[in-house]
Amino acid sequence: MSVFLGVCGDEFSILRSPQSVVFRDGSWPIPGERIPDVASLTMGFSVEEDLPWPGLAVGDLFHRPQATVLVTVKGVDKLPVKGFSYPIENAVPFSLDSVANAIHSLFSEETPVVLQLAPSEERVYMVGKANAVFEDLSVTLRQLRNRLFQDNSILSSLPLNSLSRNNEVDLLFLSELQVLRDIASLLSRHKHLAKDHSPDLYSLELSGLEEVGKRYGEDSQQFKDASQILVDSLQKFADEMFNLYGGNAVVEVVAVKEFNSPLSRKTRSILQASQSNNENPYNLAYPYNYDYSVIFNIVLWMMIGLALAVIVISYNLWNMDPGYDSIIYRMTNQKIRMD
């Protein structure tokens, strides 16, 4: 069985994954901030807090995916993709930095691919020995625009329909799809990266569809055509990545209409006491770090050991007979004779 993993607006849909990763069919909500933990668990990495989510079952622990691909699509509440669907609860911004750090800490001597890219924001993060393969990848807006007008770009193969080559918003949307094709093309020319023993990570953030909706409106023909083109491109990209890794890759798509604003930092004020009481009416303590029990036991038994040592040493010093010490005995006798 093979499925492709995607998330649709307030839904988390499974469309493609290897047999070693088992997802269950149901409507269990997944917290938005725990999506990186899903990626970590599917790759076999541990997480700080348990994930009590029934959608992810225990798969084959000895065969983990060789790659995880996460594509975040902004500006749409649902994409018409096939597969299992789970609602997203509290869609907040997230990153896969924890997964990237785990890969580099465990496979630093090998050639893992770690690529995190947001074309519209010109934000790119590439770390590892495999970076040289993706040096030619277009990442800036100027590079993306120039890439579209080359001979082998997607403009010559995609049905643009109501989209225009002369509109900057449309070109931004199409350039992000070009990045997807270029990643698969570069990897197909360097297949050894997909066949090594180190897992790979791809994290892409696409906001071109959101800009199309703002420019033309979500009821416009341009937005509908762009949504269909995006779904087709994502499906093709997923199939290509899945095949390049020999059916041992998980591809995830997060589609959110709008991320919820992160919690603002708390500041001290004259109303701080009343505000804190409303937020925490039961005066509960903050949750401890998961290393608390280990640190507590180390400190506890060390203090008990030191206390017992002080008691034993003090007892022996208090009851020590000076006569057993020749130096003290001689000095004491001499002092007595002199007196």
Foldseek 3Di string as FASTA:
>chain_A
DFAAWEAFAQKTFIGGAFQQWDFDADAAEDEQQCPLVVVQVQQLHDDQDDDPTRGTDHGDNVAHFQEEAEEEEEAGRGAPDDGGMYGYDQNADYDNVVVVVVLCVVPVVHFAWEWAAEQVVLDIDTDGPPVVLCPPQDRYLVSLLVQCPDPPFCVVPDDQVPADNPDSLSSLLRSLLRNLVVVLVSCVVVLVNLVDDGHYYHHYYGHSLNSVCVVQNCPDPNSVSSSVSVNVSVVVSSVSVCVSNPNRYHYYYHYHSDHDDDDDDDDDDPCVVVVVCVVPVPPDDDDDRSCVVVVVVVVVVVVVVVVVVVVVVVVCVVPPDLVVPPVSVVVVVVVVVVD
